[in-house]
Amino acid sequence: MKPLFASMFSALAALAITASATAADLSQQLGIQTWTLRNLKFEQVVEFAKKHGIKNLQMIGNHMDPKAPLEETRRKKAVLDAAGLNVYTFGVAGTSLDKEDNRKLFEFAKVMGIKVIVVEPPDYKIFDNLEELVKEYDIRIAIHNHGIRSLYGNPAVVRALIKHRDPRIGVCMDAGWITSTGMDPTRVFKEYEGRVYDLHLKDKRIEKTVGEDVSFDTHIGEGVGKLENLLAELVRTSWPGVLAIETDSADFARNPDEFVDKAKAFVEKNGK
């Protein structure tokens, strides 16, 4: 091999090794929405996360209260820090037309080192004071969606809401609830054009009835959401967020170990 070609080959080989080492692996971006662990107390949530090797937690009010005394928040943060766990967001957080009441949520996020707060305001007018707080604290908010009849169940409505707002206002896309509407989570993710800041990894099956269709939670990857396609898109776009494993099923919540283990296996298989 001539020296020039040998040099080029070595450079290309090194580049290939580097690319392989830095290839996306969504299993490293897994978290858990602690609604999945709603039957557990705070200390049990910590032990569960350690047991299952999940470092990123999206806390709910059952486990941490944004309006709790500062001492209580710091005590729980110390427990989490000692366990190597990161509360990367809180939600779905309650919000109101009272800006100073909402400020408590941002102060809590500041203490916890949270960079994005998941919200689902009961009134569109609330976004005016939330936007002011987003700018003041430089903390993102992500709008969560429930079923199609909820305020944010239609992605077209959410896109219109955030279009002219501060770019730090984005979306927490619940893949399960998107699936329940009959829409494709992968297509919806693409249509948000980079404004998805958090993702609830949830899957559902849909049953036809005489009235409205009814949806039920399944194990991740066993519903009709075709979540392997969504994971492929996340890998393709190098999406930097956290995939929070979540279920609304009371049955799965009673046995979260199996649910979480299967979710992790699905992401490990399809998230590269």
C-alpha atoms as a PDB file:
ATOM      1  CA  MET A   1       0.000   0.000   0.000  1.00  0.00           C
ATOM      2  CA  LYS A   2       1.453   3.356  -0.994  1.00  0.00           C
ATOM      3  CA  PRO A   3       2.156   5.841   1.839  1.00  0.00           C
ATOM      4  CA  LEU A   4      -0.552   8.315   0.741  1.00  0.00           C
ATOM      5  CA  PHE A   5      -3.246   5.622   0.515  1.00  0.00           C
ATOM      6  CA  ALA A   6      -2.047   4.046   3.764  1.00  0.00           C
ATOM      7  CA  SER A   7      -2.415   7.402   5.488  1.00  0.00           C
ATOM      8  CA  MET A   8      -5.886   7.928   4.045  1.00  0.00           C
ATOM      9  CA  PHE A   9      -6.934   4.398   5.047  1.00  0.00           C
ATOM     10  CA  SER A  10      -5.715   4.957   8.624  1.00  0.00           C
ATOM     11  CA  ALA A  11      -7.601   8.239   8.846  1.00  0.00           C
ATOM     12  CA  LEU A  12     -10.808   6.657   7.548  1.00  0.00           C
ATOM     13  CA  ALA A  13     -10.438   3.726   9.935  1.00  0.00           C
ATOM     14  CA  ALA A  14      -9.966   6.082  12.873  1.00  0.00           C
ATOM     15  CA  LEU A  15     -13.023   8.054  11.769  1.00  0.00           C
ATOM     16  CA  ALA A  16     -15.071   4.857  11.543  1.00  0.00           C
ATOM     17  CA  ILE A  17     -13.993   3.816  15.048  1.00  0.00           C
ATOM     18  CA  THR A  18     -14.892   7.245  16.419  1.00  0.00           C
ATOM     19  CA  ALA A  19     -18.284   7.197  14.703  1.00  0.00           C
ATOM     20  CA  SER A  20     -18.968   3.721  16.059  1.00  0.00           C
ATOM     21  CA  ALA A  21     -18.014   4.800  19.590  1.00  0.00           C
ATOM     22  CA  THR A  22     -20.314   7.798  19.483  1.00  0.00           C
ATOM     23  CA  ALA A  23     -23.262   6.122  17.719  1.00  0.00           C
ATOM     24  CA  ALA A  24     -26.593   6.848  19.325  1.00  0.00           C
ATOM     25  CA  ASP A  25     -27.723   4.411  21.999  1.00  0.00           C
ATOM     26  CA  LEU A  26     -31.110   5.404  23.381  1.00  0.00           C
ATOM     27  CA  SER A  27     -30.779   2.965  26.259  1.00  0.00           C
ATOM     28  CA  GLN A  28     -28.385   5.541  27.726  1.00  0.00           C
ATOM     29  CA  GLN A  29     -31.175   8.159  27.536  1.00  0.00           C
ATOM     30  CA  LEU A  30     -33.793   6.187  29.416  1.00  0.00           C
ATOM     31  CA  GLY A  31     -35.597   7.581  32.412  1.00  0.00           C
ATOM     32  CA  ILE A  32     -38.769   6.858  34.284  1.00  0.00           C
ATOM     33  CA  GLN A  33     -41.889   8.901  34.914  1.00  0.00           C
ATOM     34  CA  THR A  34     -42.567   8.135  38.554  1.00  0.00           C
ATOM     35  CA  TRP A  35     -46.308   7.965  37.852  1.00  0.00           C
ATOM     36  CA  THR A  36     -45.310   4.423  36.887  1.00  0.00           C
ATOM     37  CA  LEU A  37     -44.180   4.005  40.514  1.00  0.00           C
ATOM     38  CA  ARG A  38     -47.172   5.757  42.070  1.00  0.00           C
ATOM     39  CA  ASN A  39     -47.727   2.922  44.542  1.00  0.00           C
ATOM     40  CA  LEU A  40     -44.237   3.400  45.978  1.00  0.00           C
ATOM     41  CA  LYS A  41     -43.008   5.936  48.509  1.00  0.00           C
ATOM     42  CA  PHE A  42     -40.096   8.289  47.759  1.00  0.00           C
ATOM     43  CA  GLU A  43     -37.460   6.049  49.339  1.00  0.00           C
ATOM     44  CA  GLN A  44     -38.826   3.032  47.455  1.00  0.00           C
ATOM     45  CA  VAL A  45     -38.652   4.973  44.179  1.00  0.00           C
ATOM     46  CA  VAL A  46     -34.963   5.644  44.845  1.00  0.00           C
ATOM     47  CA  GLU A  47     -34.289   1.954  45.483  1.00  0.00           C
ATOM     48  CA  PHE A  48     -36.313   0.906  42.422  1.00  0.00           C
ATOM     49  CA  ALA A  49     -34.352   3.229  40.139  1.00  0.00           C
ATOM     50  CA  LYS A  50     -31.033   1.981  41.520  1.00  0.00           C
ATOM     51  CA  LYS A  51     -32.128  -1.646  41.117  1.00  0.00           C
ATOM     52  CA  HIS A  52     -33.096  -1.138  37.465  1.00  0.00           C
ATOM     53  CA  GLY A  53     -30.116   1.035  36.533  1.00  0.00           C
ATOM     54  CA  ILE A  54     -32.223   4.089  35.672  1.00  0.00           C
ATOM     55  CA  LYS A  55     -30.592   7.384  36.583  1.00  0.00           C
ATOM     56  CA  ASN A  56     -33.061   9.934  35.163  1.00  0.00           C
ATOM     57  CA  LEU A  57     -36.285  10.548  37.067  1.00  0.00           C
ATOM     58  CA  GLN A  58     -39.329  12.600  36.114  1.00  0.00           C
ATOM     59  CA  MET A  59     -40.936  13.178  39.486  1.00  0.00           C
ATOM     60  CA  ILE A  60     -44.625  13.557  40.278  1.00  0.00           C
ATOM     61  CA  GLY A  61     -46.214  15.237  43.283  1.00  0.00           C
ATOM     62  CA  ASN A  62     -46.553  11.913  45.120  1.00  0.00           C
ATOM     63  CA  HIS A  63     -42.780  11.831  45.496  1.00  0.00           C
ATOM     64  CA  MET A  64     -41.706  15.475  45.610  1.00  0.00           C
ATOM     65  CA  ASP A  65     -43.706  18.632  46.254  1.00  0.00           C
ATOM     66  CA  PRO A  66     -42.472  21.796  44.480  1.00  0.00           C
ATOM     67  CA  LYS A  67     -44.146  23.857  47.193  1.00  0.00           C
ATOM     68  CA  ALA A  68     -42.591  21.940  50.077  1.00  0.00           C
ATOM     69  CA  PRO A  69     -40.273  23.770  52.509  1.00  0.00           C
ATOM     70  CA  LEU A  70     -36.804  24.284  51.063  1.00  0.00           C
ATOM     71  CA  GLU A  71     -35.314  22.038  53.755  1.00  0.00           C
ATOM     72  CA  GLU A  72     -37.479  19.130  52.595  1.00  0.00           C
ATOM     73  CA  THR A  73     -36.480  19.627  48.965  1.00  0.00           C
ATOM     74  CA  ARG A  74     -32.792  19.773  49.880  1.00  0.00           C
ATOM     75  CA  ARG A  75     -33.091  16.644  52.045  1.00  0.00           C
ATOM     76  CA  LYS A  76     -34.598  14.647  49.192  1.00  0.00           C
ATOM     77  CA  LYS A  77     -32.088  16.037  46.702  1.00  0.00           C
ATOM     78  CA  ALA A  78     -29.270  14.869  48.971  1.00  0.00           C
ATOM     79  CA  VAL A  79     -30.764  11.360  49.024  1.00  0.00           C
ATOM     80  CA  LEU A  80     -31.024  11.375  45.224  1.00  0.00           C
ATOM     81  CA  ASP A  81     -27.491  12.726  44.790  1.00  0.00           C
ATOM     82  CA  ALA A  82     -26.094  10.042  47.093  1.00  0.00           C
ATOM     83  CA  ALA A  83     -27.846   7.400  44.978  1.00  0.00           C
ATOM     84  CA  GLY A  84     -26.472   8.858  41.737  1.00  0.00           C
ATOM     85  CA  LEU A  85     -29.956   9.804  40.516  1.00  0.00           C
ATOM     86  CA  ASN A  86     -30.951  12.879  38.537  1.00  0.00           C
ATOM     87  CA  VAL A  87     -34.383  14.496  38.692  1.00  0.00           C
ATOM     88  CA  TYR A  88     -34.237  15.938  35.198  1.00  0.00           C
ATOM     89  CA  THR A  89     -37.814  17.249  35.217  1.00  0.00           C
ATOM     90  CA  PHE A  90     -41.024  17.436  37.207  1.00  0.00           C
ATOM     91  CA  GLY A  91     -44.539  16.953  35.936  1.00  0.00           C
ATOM     92  CA  VAL A  92     -47.156  17.141  35.013  1.00  0.00           C
ATOM     93  CA  ALA A  93     -46.870  20.288  37.129  1.00  0.00           C
ATOM     94  CA  GLY A  94     -49.880  22.312  38.186  1.00  0.00           C
ATOM     95  CA  THR A  95     -49.976  25.890  36.891  1.00  0.00           C
ATOM     96  CA  SER A  96     -52.328  28.829  37.281  1.00  0.00           C
ATOM     97  CA  LEU A  97     -53.001  32.411  36.215  1.00  0.00           C
ATOM     98  CA  ASP A  98     -51.076  33.508  39.313  1.00  0.00           C
ATOM     99  CA  LYS A  99     -47.533  34.174  38.128  1.00  0.00           C
ATOM    100  CA  GLU A 100     -46.077  34.273  41.630  1.00  0.00           C
ATOM    101  CA  ASP A 101     -47.606  30.900  42.398  1.00  0.00           C
ATOM    102  CA  ASN A 102     -46.000  29.510  39.242  1.00  0.00           C
ATOM    103  CA  ARG A 103     -42.708  31.090  40.290  1.00  0.00           C
ATOM    104  CA  LYS A 104     -42.517  28.528  43.124  1.00  0.00           C
ATOM    105  CA  LEU A 105     -42.306  25.820  40.488  1.00  0.00           C
ATOM    106  CA  PHE A 106     -39.370  27.541  38.784  1.00  0.00           C
ATOM    107  CA  GLU A 107     -37.626  28.137  42.112  1.00  0.00           C
ATOM    108  CA  PHE A 108     -37.996  24.435  42.871  1.00  0.00           C
ATOM    109  CA  ALA A 109     -36.545  23.591  39.452  1.00  0.00           C
ATOM    110  CA  LYS A 110     -33.620  25.940  40.091  1.00  0.00           C
ATOM    111  CA  VAL A 111     -32.781  24.228  43.393  1.00  0.00           C
ATOM    112  CA  MET A 112     -33.060  20.768  41.833  1.00  0.00           C
ATOM    113  CA  GLY A 113     -31.047  21.678  38.722  1.00  0.00           C
ATOM    114  CA  ILE A 114     -34.044  20.900  36.509  1.00  0.00           C
ATOM    115  CA  LYS A 115     -33.798  22.307  32.968  1.00  0.00           C
ATOM    116  CA  VAL A 116     -37.307  21.502  31.708  1.00  0.00           C
ATOM    117  CA  ILE A 117     -40.691  21.452  33.468  1.00  0.00           C
ATOM    118  CA  VAL A 118     -43.621  19.437  32.121  1.00  0.00           C
ATOM    119  CA  VAL A 119     -46.927  21.328  32.177  1.00  0.00           C
ATOM    120  CA  GLU A 120     -50.504  21.053  30.944  1.00  0.00           C
ATOM    121  CA  PRO A 121     -52.104  24.421  31.798  1.00  0.00           C
ATOM    122  CA  PRO A 122     -55.888  24.375  32.241  1.00  0.00           C
ATOM    123  CA  ASP A 123     -56.143  27.778  30.529  1.00  0.00           C
ATOM    124  CA  TYR A 124     -54.239  28.995  27.447  1.00  0.00           C
ATOM    125  CA  LYS A 125     -53.857  32.424  29.094  1.00  0.00           C
ATOM    126  CA  ILE A 126     -51.441  30.882  31.604  1.00  0.00           C
ATOM    127  CA  PHE A 127     -48.784  30.725  28.900  1.00  0.00           C
ATOM    128  CA  ASP A 128     -48.351  34.498  29.127  1.00  0.00           C
ATOM    129  CA  ASN A 129     -46.909  34.371  32.644  1.00  0.00           C
ATOM    130  CA  LEU A 130     -45.156  31.045  32.047  1.00  0.00           C
ATOM    131  CA  GLU A 131     -43.336  32.568  29.096  1.00  0.00           C
ATOM    132  CA  GLU A 132     -42.159  35.440  31.297  1.00  0.00           C
ATOM    133  CA  LEU A 133     -40.811  32.927  33.827  1.00  0.00           C
ATOM    134  CA  VAL A 134     -39.148  30.845  31.115  1.00  0.00           C
ATOM    135  CA  LYS A 135     -37.254  33.938  29.998  1.00  0.00           C
ATOM    136  CA  GLU A 136     -36.392  35.000  33.551  1.00  0.00           C
ATOM    137  CA  TYR A 137     -35.090  31.600  34.709  1.00  0.00           C
ATOM    138  CA  ASP A 138     -33.888  30.210  31.365  1.00  0.00           C
ATOM    139  CA  ILE A 139     -35.744  26.982  32.139  1.00  0.00           C
ATOM    140  CA  ARG A 140     -37.771  25.271  29.429  1.00  0.00           C
ATOM    141  CA  ILE A 141     -41.369  24.138  29.717  1.00  0.00           C
ATOM    142  CA  ALA A 142     -42.776  21.186  27.784  1.00  0.00           C
ATOM    143  CA  ILE A 143     -46.514  20.832  27.105  1.00  0.00           C
ATOM    144  CA  HIS A 144     -47.898  17.388  27.853  1.00  0.00           C
ATOM    145  CA  ASN A 145     -50.774  15.842  25.911  1.00  0.00           C
ATOM    146  CA  HIS A 146     -53.582  13.552  27.039  1.00  0.00           C
ATOM    147  CA  GLY A 147     -56.432  12.199  24.894  1.00  0.00           C
ATOM    148  CA  ILE A 148     -57.800  13.921  21.809  1.00  0.00           C
ATOM    149  CA  ARG A 149     -60.507  15.700  23.833  1.00  0.00           C
ATOM    150  CA  SER A 150     -57.989  17.343  26.174  1.00  0.00           C
ATOM    151  CA  LEU A 151     -56.765  20.900  25.537  1.00  0.00           C
ATOM    152  CA  TYR A 152     -53.507  19.605  24.043  1.00  0.00           C
ATOM    153  CA  GLY A 153     -54.657  16.298  22.557  1.00  0.00           C
ATOM    154  CA  ASN A 154     -54.478  17.610  18.999  1.00  0.00           C
ATOM    155  CA  PRO A 155     -50.859  18.230  17.924  1.00  0.00           C
ATOM    156  CA  ALA A 156     -52.023  20.879  15.427  1.00  0.00           C
ATOM    157  CA  VAL A 157     -53.357  22.944  18.339  1.00  0.00           C
ATOM    158  CA  VAL A 158     -50.083  22.588  20.245  1.00  0.00           C
ATOM    159  CA  ARG A 159     -48.025  23.565  17.199  1.00  0.00           C
ATOM    160  CA  ALA A 160     -50.130  26.703  16.796  1.00  0.00           C
ATOM    161  CA  LEU A 161     -49.702  27.541  20.491  1.00  0.00           C
ATOM    162  CA  ILE A 162     -45.915  27.335  20.500  1.00  0.00           C
ATOM    163  CA  LYS A 163     -45.239  28.700  17.020  1.00  0.00           C
ATOM    164  CA  HIS A 164     -44.832  32.324  18.105  1.00  0.00           C
ATOM    165  CA  ARG A 165     -43.759  31.668  21.683  1.00  0.00           C
ATOM    166  CA  ASP A 166     -40.247  31.671  23.113  1.00  0.00           C
ATOM    167  CA  PRO A 167     -38.349  28.692  21.639  1.00  0.00           C
ATOM    168  CA  ARG A 168     -37.828  27.378  25.165  1.00  0.00           C
ATOM    169  CA  ILE A 169     -41.548  26.506  25.183  1.00  0.00           C
ATOM    170  CA  GLY A 170     -41.925  23.093  23.595  1.00  0.00           C
ATOM    171  CA  VAL A 171     -43.553  19.710  23.938  1.00  0.00           C
ATOM    172  CA  CYS A 172     -43.569  16.687  26.211  1.00  0.00           C
ATOM    173  CA  MET A 173     -44.872  14.148  23.700  1.00  0.00           C
ATOM    174  CA  ASP A 174     -46.737  11.266  25.296  1.00  0.00           C
ATOM    175  CA  ALA A 175     -46.430   8.565  22.644  1.00  0.00           C
ATOM    176  CA  GLY A 176     -49.184   6.493  24.220  1.00  0.00           C
ATOM    177  CA  TRP A 177     -51.807   9.211  24.192  1.00  0.00           C
ATOM    178  CA  ILE A 178     -50.840  10.134  20.630  1.00  0.00           C
ATOM    179  CA  THR A 179     -51.362   6.485  19.714  1.00  0.00           C
ATOM    180  CA  SER A 180     -54.776   6.500  21.405  1.00  0.00           C
ATOM    181  CA  THR A 181     -55.944   9.166  18.939  1.00  0.00           C
ATOM    182  CA  GLY A 182     -55.106   6.941  15.962  1.00  0.00           C
ATOM    183  CA  MET A 183     -52.184   9.177  14.971  1.00  0.00           C
ATOM    184  CA  ASP A 184     -48.658   7.974  14.293  1.00  0.00           C
ATOM    185  CA  PRO A 185     -46.216   9.071  17.041  1.00  0.00           C
ATOM    186  CA  THR A 186     -43.300   9.121  14.596  1.00  0.00           C
ATOM    187  CA  ARG A 187     -45.076  11.451  12.196  1.00  0.00           C
ATOM    188  CA  VAL A 188     -46.228  13.704  15.040  1.00  0.00           C
ATOM    189  CA  PHE A 189     -42.663  13.882  16.392  1.00  0.00           C
ATOM    190  CA  LYS A 190     -41.375  14.959  12.979  1.00  0.00           C
ATOM    191  CA  GLU A 191     -44.076  17.606  12.605  1.00  0.00           C
ATOM    192  CA  TYR A 192     -42.992  19.286  15.839  1.00  0.00           C
ATOM    193  CA  GLU A 193     -39.747  20.160  14.036  1.00  0.00           C
ATOM    194  CA  GLY A 194     -37.344  20.040  16.958  1.00  0.00           C
ATOM    195  CA  ARG A 195     -39.676  21.345  19.655  1.00  0.00           C
ATOM    196  CA  VAL A 196     -40.060  18.009  21.504  1.00  0.00           C
ATOM    197  CA  TYR A 197     -38.108  18.475  24.731  1.00  0.00           C
ATOM    198  CA  ASP A 198     -39.366  15.451  26.647  1.00  0.00           C
ATOM    199  CA  LEU A 199     -40.935  12.145  25.701  1.00  0.00           C
ATOM    200  CA  HIS A 200     -43.193   9.747  27.596  1.00  0.00           C
ATOM    201  CA  LEU A 201     -42.438   6.254  26.339  1.00  0.00           C
ATOM    202  CA  LYS A 202     -45.845   4.609  26.469  1.00  0.00           C
ATOM    203  CA  ASP A 203     -47.728   2.246  24.155  1.00  0.00           C
ATOM    204  CA  LYS A 204     -51.423   1.442  23.775  1.00  0.00           C
ATOM    205  CA  ARG A 205     -53.798  -0.831  21.925  1.00  0.00           C
ATOM    206  CA  ILE A 206     -57.144   0.434  20.677  1.00  0.00           C
ATOM    207  CA  GLU A 207     -60.441  -1.423  20.858  1.00  0.00           C
ATOM    208  CA  LYS A 208     -63.331  -0.520  18.579  1.00  0.00           C
ATOM    209  CA  THR A 209     -66.663  -0.059  20.332  1.00  0.00           C
ATOM    210  CA  VAL A 210     -70.154   1.021  19.325  1.00  0.00           C
ATOM    211  CA  GLY A 211     -69.368   4.445  20.767  1.00  0.00           C
ATOM    212  CA  GLU A 212     -65.888   5.923  21.045  1.00  0.00           C
ATOM    213  CA  ASP A 213     -62.792   3.777  20.617  1.00  0.00           C
ATOM    214  CA  VAL A 214     -61.167   2.765  23.909  1.00  0.00           C
ATOM    215  CA  SER A 215     -57.416   2.534  24.481  1.00  0.00           C
ATOM    216  CA  PHE A 216     -55.512   0.360  26.940  1.00  0.00           C
ATOM    217  CA  ASP A 217     -51.855   0.390  27.932  1.00  0.00           C
ATOM    218  CA  THR A 218     -49.608  -2.421  26.728  1.00  0.00           C
ATOM    219  CA  HIS A 219     -46.005  -3.292  27.345  1.00  0.00           C
ATOM    220  CA  ILE A 220     -43.755  -0.947  25.380  1.00  0.00           C
ATOM    221  CA  GLY A 221     -43.569  -2.129  21.784  1.00  0.00           C
ATOM    222  CA  GLU A 222     -46.622  -4.394  21.999  1.00  0.00           C
ATOM    223  CA  GLY A 223     -49.243  -1.786  21.124  1.00  0.00           C
ATOM    224  CA  VAL A 224     -50.154  -0.127  17.842  1.00  0.00           C
ATOM    225  CA  GLY A 225     -47.800   2.849  18.195  1.00  0.00           C
ATOM    226  CA  LYS A 226     -45.034   1.207  16.142  1.00  0.00           C
ATOM    227  CA  LEU A 227     -42.584   2.657  18.616  1.00  0.00           C
ATOM    228  CA  GLU A 228     -39.630   0.991  16.899  1.00  0.00           C
ATOM    229  CA  ASN A 229     -40.137   3.567  14.134  1.00  0.00           C
ATOM    230  CA  LEU A 230     -40.131   6.398  16.666  1.00  0.00           C
ATOM    231  CA  LEU A 231     -36.893   5.134  18.205  1.00  0.00           C
ATOM    232  CA  ALA A 232     -35.328   4.937  14.751  1.00  0.00           C
ATOM    233  CA  GLU A 233     -36.259   8.580  14.152  1.00  0.00           C
ATOM    234  CA  LEU A 234     -34.804   9.609  17.514  1.00  0.00           C
ATOM    235  CA  VAL A 235     -31.562   7.868  16.592  1.00  0.00           C
ATOM    236  CA  ARG A 236     -31.543   9.406  13.099  1.00  0.00           C
ATOM    237  CA  THR A 237     -31.960  12.934  14.465  1.00  0.00           C
ATOM    238  CA  SER A 238     -29.670  12.418  17.486  1.00  0.00           C
ATOM    239  CA  TRP A 239     -32.510  13.573  19.724  1.00  0.00           C
ATOM    240  CA  PRO A 240     -30.877  14.644  23.015  1.00  0.00           C
ATOM    241  CA  GLY A 241     -33.758  14.243  25.485  1.00  0.00           C
ATOM    242  CA  VAL A 242     -34.878  11.607  27.958  1.00  0.00           C
ATOM    243  CA  LEU A 243     -37.312   8.813  27.160  1.00  0.00           C
ATOM    244  CA  ALA A 244     -39.371   8.491  30.331  1.00  0.00           C
ATOM    245  CA  ILE A 245     -40.859   5.021  30.694  1.00  0.00           C
ATOM    246  CA  GLU A 246     -44.473   5.420  31.777  1.00  0.00           C
ATOM    247  CA  THR A 247     -47.730   3.542  32.142  1.00  0.00           C
ATOM    248  CA  ASP A 248     -51.269   4.548  33.041  1.00  0.00           C
ATOM    249  CA  SER A 249     -52.182   0.913  33.725  1.00  0.00           C
ATOM    250  CA  ALA A 250     -53.048   0.134  37.338  1.00  0.00           C
ATOM    251  CA  ASP A 251     -52.070  -3.493  36.712  1.00  0.00           C
ATOM    252  CA  PHE A 252     -48.602  -2.604  35.426  1.00  0.00           C
ATOM    253  CA  ALA A 253     -48.164  -0.114  38.274  1.00  0.00           C
ATOM    254  CA  ARG A 254     -48.778  -2.938  40.745  1.00  0.00           C
ATOM    255  CA  ASN A 255     -45.888  -4.855  39.163  1.00  0.00           C
ATOM    256  CA  PRO A 256     -43.606  -2.167  37.710  1.00  0.00           C
ATOM    257  CA  ASP A 257     -40.532  -4.436  37.670  1.00  0.00           C
ATOM    258  CA  GLU A 258     -41.722  -6.513  34.721  1.00  0.00           C
ATOM    259  CA  PHE A 259     -43.061  -3.469  32.879  1.00  0.00           C
ATOM    260  CA  VAL A 260     -39.795  -1.558  33.201  1.00  0.00           C
ATOM    261  CA  ASP A 261     -37.621  -4.568  32.367  1.00  0.00           C
ATOM    262  CA  LYS A 262     -39.567  -5.141  29.139  1.00  0.00           C
ATOM    263  CA  ALA A 263     -39.403  -1.443  28.253  1.00  0.00           C
ATOM    264  CA  LYS A 264     -35.636  -1.417  28.729  1.00  0.00           C
ATOM    265  CA  ALA A 265     -35.245  -4.548  26.598  1.00  0.00           C
ATOM    266  CA  PHE A 266     -37.299  -2.975  23.811  1.00  0.00           C
ATOM    267  CA  VAL A 267     -35.156   0.169  23.772  1.00  0.00           C
ATOM    268  CA  GLU A 268     -31.911  -1.806  23.954  1.00  0.00           C
ATOM    269  CA  LYS A 269     -33.046  -3.789  20.905  1.00  0.00           C
ATOM    270  CA  ASN A 270     -34.458  -0.923  18.829  1.00  0.00           C
ATOM    271  CA  GLY A 271     -32.657   2.161  20.043  1.00  0.00           C
ATOM    272  CA  LYS A 272     -29.341   1.938  18.188  1.00  0.00           C
END
